[in-house]
Amino acid sequence: MKTELMTASRLFKYRSYTPIPFVIIMLIYENANIWSLIAGFLISSFGELIRLWGVSWAGSETRTTGGVGSTFLVIRGPFAYVRNPLYIGNILIYSGIGVMSFAVFPWLQIIGFLFFLFQYHFIVKEEEKFLVEKYAIEYDNYRKRVPRFFPRLTPYRNKNLEQPAFNLKKGLRSEKRTFQALGFVSVTIFLLWFIGRI
């Protein structure tokens, strides 16, 4: 149990850095074609839209690396359909970049997908432990009705829970680093593909 908590804590703290080895491999072994570039970019963009929707509700607290925390139990926006929309967005972003690069396809993409499922399994357990302790029955009711990773079709509602306001401006500001990283990697893959065709 102690080892599991340490694993979850470390994965949570360094979750922004774990994609880096995969990205490096994708750039080194880039084997893109026009269709992989288009399909991968669309997948990544969809993932980023989910993230932007989520952080526009949840705010910049989702960026913390010091430990799990939250001011609100957010159940609006994408959180009304699935408990972990930001991690779904991340997986789509990483998968999209993998498809764009077409590096060691499909093995690198499968390994990456499985790794991030493993990582988020532990991170989510750590977050849920905190949410159960802080929000008790409200979170228990939410957890029973809203799936962890596979969205429900209708939004969950609880009028008794105070919610933050939707703030797209703050969401865009919070996602600045993600936009920059996604843009940099996408442009680099495109340039590697373009240069390889000359």
C-alpha atoms as a PDB file:
ATOM      1  CA  MET A   1       0.000   0.000   0.000  1.00  0.00           C
ATOM      2  CA  LYS A   2       2.837   2.392   0.920  1.00  0.00           C
ATOM      3  CA  THR A   3       4.668   1.555  -2.329  1.00  0.00           C
ATOM      4  CA  GLU A   4       1.473   2.201  -4.313  1.00  0.00           C
ATOM      5  CA  LEU A   5       1.046   5.622  -2.651  1.00  0.00           C
ATOM      6  CA  MET A   6       4.675   6.518  -3.410  1.00  0.00           C
ATOM      7  CA  THR A   7       4.218   5.436  -7.042  1.00  0.00           C
ATOM      8  CA  ALA A   8       1.036   7.505  -7.377  1.00  0.00           C
ATOM      9  CA  SER A   9       2.669  10.534  -5.743  1.00  0.00           C
ATOM     10  CA  ARG A  10       5.718  10.394  -8.035  1.00  0.00           C
ATOM     11  CA  LEU A  11       3.644   9.850 -11.171  1.00  0.00           C
ATOM     12  CA  PHE A  12       1.428  12.791 -10.198  1.00  0.00           C
ATOM     13  CA  LYS A  13       4.418  15.052  -9.529  1.00  0.00           C
ATOM     14  CA  TYR A  14       6.235  14.207 -12.781  1.00  0.00           C
ATOM     15  CA  ARG A  15       3.219  13.652 -15.046  1.00  0.00           C
ATOM     16  CA  SER A  16       4.165  16.627 -17.251  1.00  0.00           C
ATOM     17  CA  TYR A  17       7.538  15.041 -18.037  1.00  0.00           C
ATOM     18  CA  THR A  18       6.653  11.384 -18.677  1.00  0.00           C
ATOM     19  CA  PRO A  19       5.636  12.032 -22.338  1.00  0.00           C
ATOM     20  CA  ILE A  20       9.109  13.424 -23.185  1.00  0.00           C
ATOM     21  CA  PRO A  21      10.854  10.064 -23.936  1.00  0.00           C
ATOM     22  CA  PHE A  22       7.974   9.083 -26.228  1.00  0.00           C
ATOM     23  CA  VAL A  23       8.114  12.433 -28.050  1.00  0.00           C
ATOM     24  CA  ILE A  24      11.888  12.093 -28.552  1.00  0.00           C
ATOM     25  CA  ILE A  25      11.439   8.629 -30.082  1.00  0.00           C
ATOM     26  CA  MET A  26       8.624   9.951 -32.303  1.00  0.00           C
ATOM     27  CA  LEU A  27      10.881  12.717 -33.604  1.00  0.00           C
ATOM     28  CA  ILE A  28      13.920  10.478 -34.146  1.00  0.00           C
ATOM     29  CA  TYR A  29      11.961   7.728 -35.945  1.00  0.00           C
ATOM     30  CA  GLU A  30       9.453  10.033 -37.691  1.00  0.00           C
ATOM     31  CA  ASN A  31       7.893   8.295 -40.686  1.00  0.00           C
ATOM     32  CA  ALA A  32       4.938  10.593 -41.389  1.00  0.00           C
ATOM     33  CA  ASN A  33       2.794  10.773 -44.495  1.00  0.00           C
ATOM     34  CA  ILE A  34       0.134  13.312 -45.433  1.00  0.00           C
ATOM     35  CA  TRP A  35      -2.693  11.153 -44.052  1.00  0.00           C
ATOM     36  CA  SER A  36      -0.960  10.442 -40.731  1.00  0.00           C
ATOM     37  CA  LEU A  37      -0.279  14.175 -40.355  1.00  0.00           C
ATOM     38  CA  ILE A  38      -3.920  15.106 -40.951  1.00  0.00           C
ATOM     39  CA  ALA A  39      -5.441  12.297 -38.863  1.00  0.00           C
ATOM     40  CA  GLY A  40      -2.973  12.747 -35.999  1.00  0.00           C
ATOM     41  CA  PHE A  41      -3.429  16.513 -35.886  1.00  0.00           C
ATOM     42  CA  LEU A  42      -7.225  16.134 -35.770  1.00  0.00           C
ATOM     43  CA  ILE A  43      -6.985  13.595 -32.921  1.00  0.00           C
ATOM     44  CA  SER A  44      -4.600  15.840 -30.960  1.00  0.00           C
ATOM     45  CA  SER A  45      -6.751  18.917 -31.576  1.00  0.00           C
ATOM     46  CA  PHE A  46      -9.837  17.087 -30.312  1.00  0.00           C
ATOM     47  CA  GLY A  47      -7.911  16.099 -27.179  1.00  0.00           C
ATOM     48  CA  GLU A  48      -6.845  19.713 -26.640  1.00  0.00           C
ATOM     49  CA  LEU A  49     -10.432  20.949 -27.052  1.00  0.00           C
ATOM     50  CA  ILE A  50     -11.515  18.535 -24.303  1.00  0.00           C
ATOM     51  CA  ARG A  51      -8.720  19.809 -22.070  1.00  0.00           C
ATOM     52  CA  LEU A  52      -9.606  23.453 -22.759  1.00  0.00           C
ATOM     53  CA  TRP A  53     -13.272  22.779 -21.990  1.00  0.00           C
ATOM     54  CA  GLY A  54     -12.259  21.098 -18.735  1.00  0.00           C
ATOM     55  CA  VAL A  55      -9.763  23.693 -17.466  1.00  0.00           C
ATOM     56  CA  SER A  56     -12.191  26.491 -18.329  1.00  0.00           C
ATOM     57  CA  TRP A  57     -14.350  24.968 -15.596  1.00  0.00           C
ATOM     58  CA  ALA A  58     -11.735  23.558 -13.201  1.00  0.00           C
ATOM     59  CA  GLY A  59      -9.162  26.367 -13.483  1.00  0.00           C
ATOM     60  CA  SER A  60      -5.393  26.324 -13.143  1.00  0.00           C
ATOM     61  CA  GLU A  61      -5.478  24.029 -10.085  1.00  0.00           C
ATOM     62  CA  THR A  62      -5.241  21.200 -12.600  1.00  0.00           C
ATOM     63  CA  ARG A  63      -1.634  22.317 -13.253  1.00  0.00           C
ATOM     64  CA  THR A  64      -0.373  21.717  -9.717  1.00  0.00           C
ATOM     65  CA  THR A  65       2.502  19.277  -9.202  1.00  0.00           C
ATOM     66  CA  GLY A  66       2.982  19.742  -5.453  1.00  0.00           C
ATOM     67  CA  GLY A  67       0.078  17.508  -4.494  1.00  0.00           C
ATOM     68  CA  VAL A  68      -3.558  16.768  -5.141  1.00  0.00           C
ATOM     69  CA  GLY A  69      -5.983  19.562  -4.292  1.00  0.00           C
ATOM     70  CA  SER A  70      -9.198  21.277  -5.349  1.00  0.00           C
ATOM     71  CA  THR A  71     -11.359  24.194  -4.252  1.00  0.00           C
ATOM     72  CA  PHE A  72     -14.493  22.772  -5.885  1.00  0.00           C
ATOM     73  CA  LEU A  73     -15.818  19.346  -6.740  1.00  0.00           C
ATOM     74  CA  VAL A  74     -16.367  20.268 -10.391  1.00  0.00           C
ATOM     75  CA  ILE A  75     -19.292  18.455 -12.029  1.00  0.00           C
ATOM     76  CA  ARG A  76     -19.991  20.857 -14.894  1.00  0.00           C
ATOM     77  CA  GLY A  77     -18.786  20.872 -18.480  1.00  0.00           C
ATOM     78  CA  PRO A  78     -16.999  17.641 -19.438  1.00  0.00           C
ATOM     79  CA  PHE A  79     -16.909  16.582 -15.765  1.00  0.00           C
ATOM     80  CA  ALA A  80     -20.682  16.035 -16.006  1.00  0.00           C
ATOM     81  CA  TYR A  81     -20.003  13.191 -18.453  1.00  0.00           C
ATOM     82  CA  VAL A  82     -16.738  11.656 -17.268  1.00  0.00           C
ATOM     83  CA  ARG A  83     -14.690  12.063 -14.094  1.00  0.00           C
ATOM     84  CA  ASN A  84     -11.288  12.511 -15.750  1.00  0.00           C
ATOM     85  CA  PRO A  85     -11.744  14.483 -18.988  1.00  0.00           C
ATOM     86  CA  LEU A  86      -8.304  16.116 -18.780  1.00  0.00           C
ATOM     87  CA  TYR A  87      -6.564  12.746 -18.792  1.00  0.00           C
ATOM     88  CA  ILE A  88      -8.720  11.598 -21.702  1.00  0.00           C
ATOM     89  CA  GLY A  89      -7.675  14.789 -23.493  1.00  0.00           C
ATOM     90  CA  ASN A  90      -4.018  14.039 -22.717  1.00  0.00           C
ATOM     91  CA  ILE A  91      -4.240  10.493 -24.064  1.00  0.00           C
ATOM     92  CA  LEU A  92      -5.840  11.800 -27.264  1.00  0.00           C
ATOM     93  CA  ILE A  93      -3.106  14.441 -27.618  1.00  0.00           C
ATOM     94  CA  TYR A  94      -0.313  11.883 -27.130  1.00  0.00           C
ATOM     95  CA  SER A  95      -2.015   9.373 -29.426  1.00  0.00           C
ATOM     96  CA  GLY A  96      -2.529  12.041 -32.079  1.00  0.00           C
ATOM     97  CA  ILE A  97       1.143  13.037 -31.979  1.00  0.00           C
ATOM     98  CA  GLY A  98       2.055   9.362 -32.293  1.00  0.00           C
ATOM     99  CA  VAL A  99      -0.173   9.000 -35.348  1.00  0.00           C
ATOM    100  CA  MET A 100       1.258  12.200 -36.845  1.00  0.00           C
ATOM    101  CA  SER A 101       4.838  10.953 -36.559  1.00  0.00           C
ATOM    102  CA  PHE A 102       3.933   7.395 -37.617  1.00  0.00           C
ATOM    103  CA  ALA A 103       7.133   6.341 -35.807  1.00  0.00           C
ATOM    104  CA  VAL A 104       7.511   2.583 -35.181  1.00  0.00           C
ATOM    105  CA  PHE A 105       3.807   2.359 -36.005  1.00  0.00           C
ATOM    106  CA  PRO A 106       1.744   0.879 -34.364  1.00  0.00           C
ATOM    107  CA  TRP A 107       3.996  -0.508 -31.602  1.00  0.00           C
ATOM    108  CA  LEU A 108       5.180   2.785 -30.123  1.00  0.00           C
ATOM    109  CA  GLN A 109       1.623   4.103 -30.068  1.00  0.00           C
ATOM    110  CA  ILE A 110       0.328   0.944 -28.342  1.00  0.00           C
ATOM    111  CA  ILE A 111       3.128   1.010 -25.751  1.00  0.00           C
ATOM    112  CA  GLY A 112       2.544   4.727 -25.142  1.00  0.00           C
ATOM    113  CA  PHE A 113      -1.202   4.214 -24.770  1.00  0.00           C
ATOM    114  CA  LEU A 114      -0.696   1.374 -22.263  1.00  0.00           C
ATOM    115  CA  PHE A 115       1.879   3.376 -20.309  1.00  0.00           C
ATOM    116  CA  PHE A 116      -0.429   6.362 -19.922  1.00  0.00           C
ATOM    117  CA  LEU A 117      -3.303   4.104 -18.859  1.00  0.00           C
ATOM    118  CA  PHE A 118      -0.965   2.666 -16.210  1.00  0.00           C
ATOM    119  CA  GLN A 119       0.137   6.147 -15.128  1.00  0.00           C
ATOM    120  CA  TYR A 120      -3.377   7.571 -14.906  1.00  0.00           C
ATOM    121  CA  HIS A 121      -4.645   4.506 -13.049  1.00  0.00           C
ATOM    122  CA  PHE A 122      -2.356   5.378 -10.124  1.00  0.00           C
ATOM    123  CA  ILE A 123      -2.793   9.150 -10.382  1.00  0.00           C
ATOM    124  CA  VAL A 124      -6.594   8.869 -10.414  1.00  0.00           C
ATOM    125  CA  LYS A 125      -6.551   6.599  -7.360  1.00  0.00           C
ATOM    126  CA  GLU A 126      -4.508   9.225  -5.501  1.00  0.00           C
ATOM    127  CA  GLU A 127      -6.880  12.009  -6.565  1.00  0.00           C
ATOM    128  CA  GLU A 128      -9.968   9.981  -5.656  1.00  0.00           C
ATOM    129  CA  LYS A 129      -8.587   9.297  -2.188  1.00  0.00           C
ATOM    130  CA  PHE A 130      -8.325  13.067  -1.626  1.00  0.00           C
ATOM    131  CA  LEU A 131     -11.785  13.749  -3.083  1.00  0.00           C
ATOM    132  CA  VAL A 132     -13.437  11.084  -0.905  1.00  0.00           C
ATOM    133  CA  GLU A 133     -11.841  12.604   2.194  1.00  0.00           C
ATOM    134  CA  LYS A 134     -12.777  16.188   1.283  1.00  0.00           C
ATOM    135  CA  TYR A 135     -16.224  15.816  -0.299  1.00  0.00           C
ATOM    136  CA  ALA A 136     -17.441  12.562   1.273  1.00  0.00           C
ATOM    137  CA  ILE A 137     -20.996  11.731   0.227  1.00  0.00           C
ATOM    138  CA  GLU A 138     -21.122  14.311  -2.593  1.00  0.00           C
ATOM    139  CA  TYR A 139     -18.127  12.710  -4.288  1.00  0.00           C
ATOM    140  CA  ASP A 140     -19.419   9.212  -3.557  1.00  0.00           C
ATOM    141  CA  ASN A 141     -22.708  10.051  -5.316  1.00  0.00           C
ATOM    142  CA  TYR A 142     -20.798  11.569  -8.248  1.00  0.00           C
ATOM    143  CA  ARG A 143     -18.427   8.596  -8.489  1.00  0.00           C
ATOM    144  CA  LYS A 144     -21.310   6.124  -8.561  1.00  0.00           C
ATOM    145  CA  ARG A 145     -23.062   7.941 -11.416  1.00  0.00           C
ATOM    146  CA  VAL A 146     -20.226   9.256 -13.608  1.00  0.00           C
ATOM    147  CA  PRO A 147     -17.695   6.851 -15.166  1.00  0.00           C
ATOM    148  CA  ARG A 148     -13.955   7.249 -14.638  1.00  0.00           C
ATOM    149  CA  PHE A 149     -12.899   7.138 -18.310  1.00  0.00           C
ATOM    150  CA  PHE A 150     -15.858   6.190 -20.537  1.00  0.00           C
ATOM    151  CA  PRO A 151     -18.321   9.107 -20.817  1.00  0.00           C
ATOM    152  CA  ARG A 152     -22.003   8.728 -20.014  1.00  0.00           C
ATOM    153  CA  LEU A 153     -24.509   9.992 -22.577  1.00  0.00           C
ATOM    154  CA  THR A 154     -26.391  12.461 -20.383  1.00  0.00           C
ATOM    155  CA  PRO A 155     -24.874  15.049 -18.018  1.00  0.00           C
ATOM    156  CA  TYR A 156     -24.792  14.407 -14.281  1.00  0.00           C
ATOM    157  CA  ARG A 157     -26.445  17.164 -12.254  1.00  0.00           C
ATOM    158  CA  ASN A 158     -26.404  18.116  -8.579  1.00  0.00           C
ATOM    159  CA  LYS A 159     -27.843  21.564  -7.853  1.00  0.00           C
ATOM    160  CA  ASN A 160     -26.627  21.446  -4.236  1.00  0.00           C
ATOM    161  CA  LEU A 161     -22.948  21.588  -5.194  1.00  0.00           C
ATOM    162  CA  GLU A 162     -21.400  25.035  -5.590  1.00  0.00           C
ATOM    163  CA  GLN A 163     -19.584  25.302  -8.913  1.00  0.00           C
ATOM    164  CA  PRO A 164     -16.959  27.661 -10.314  1.00  0.00           C
ATOM    165  CA  ALA A 165     -17.922  29.846 -13.257  1.00  0.00           C
ATOM    166  CA  PHE A 166     -16.933  28.825 -16.777  1.00  0.00           C
ATOM    167  CA  ASN A 167     -13.996  31.060 -17.721  1.00  0.00           C
ATOM    168  CA  LEU A 168     -12.592  30.543 -21.227  1.00  0.00           C
ATOM    169  CA  LYS A 169     -10.013  33.321 -20.797  1.00  0.00           C
ATOM    170  CA  LYS A 170      -8.511  31.600 -17.750  1.00  0.00           C
ATOM    171  CA  GLY A 171      -8.739  28.270 -19.550  1.00  0.00           C
ATOM    172  CA  LEU A 172      -6.764  29.623 -22.501  1.00  0.00           C
ATOM    173  CA  ARG A 173      -4.177  31.109 -20.155  1.00  0.00           C
ATOM    174  CA  SER A 174      -3.890  27.839 -18.235  1.00  0.00           C
ATOM    175  CA  GLU A 175      -3.455  25.870 -21.458  1.00  0.00           C
ATOM    176  CA  LYS A 176      -0.759  28.166 -22.857  1.00  0.00           C
ATOM    177  CA  ARG A 177       2.041  25.648 -22.199  1.00  0.00           C
ATOM    178  CA  THR A 178       0.034  22.804 -23.711  1.00  0.00           C
ATOM    179  CA  PHE A 179      -0.696  24.873 -26.825  1.00  0.00           C
ATOM    180  CA  GLN A 180       2.994  25.720 -27.127  1.00  0.00           C
ATOM    181  CA  ALA A 181       4.146  22.123 -26.676  1.00  0.00           C
ATOM    182  CA  LEU A 182       1.552  20.729 -29.081  1.00  0.00           C
ATOM    183  CA  GLY A 183       2.331  23.429 -31.647  1.00  0.00           C
ATOM    184  CA  PHE A 184       6.098  22.902 -31.368  1.00  0.00           C
ATOM    185  CA  VAL A 185       5.904  19.119 -31.731  1.00  0.00           C
ATOM    186  CA  SER A 186       3.337  19.291 -34.561  1.00  0.00           C
ATOM    187  CA  VAL A 187       5.381  21.831 -36.534  1.00  0.00           C
ATOM    188  CA  THR A 188       8.584  19.830 -35.958  1.00  0.00           C
ATOM    189  CA  ILE A 189       6.984  16.623 -37.239  1.00  0.00           C
ATOM    190  CA  PHE A 190       5.579  18.489 -40.248  1.00  0.00           C
ATOM    191  CA  LEU A 191       9.001  20.014 -41.036  1.00  0.00           C
ATOM    192  CA  LEU A 192      10.745  16.639 -40.702  1.00  0.00           C
ATOM    193  CA  TRP A 193       8.198  15.159 -43.114  1.00  0.00           C
ATOM    194  CA  PHE A 194       8.521  18.096 -45.529  1.00  0.00           C
ATOM    195  CA  ILE A 195      12.343  18.091 -45.487  1.00  0.00           C
ATOM    196  CA  GLY A 196      12.325  14.335 -46.094  1.00  0.00           C
ATOM    197  CA  ARG A 197      10.345  14.890 -49.280  1.00  0.00           C
ATOM    198  CA  ILE A 198      12.781  17.433 -50.752  1.00  0.00           C
END
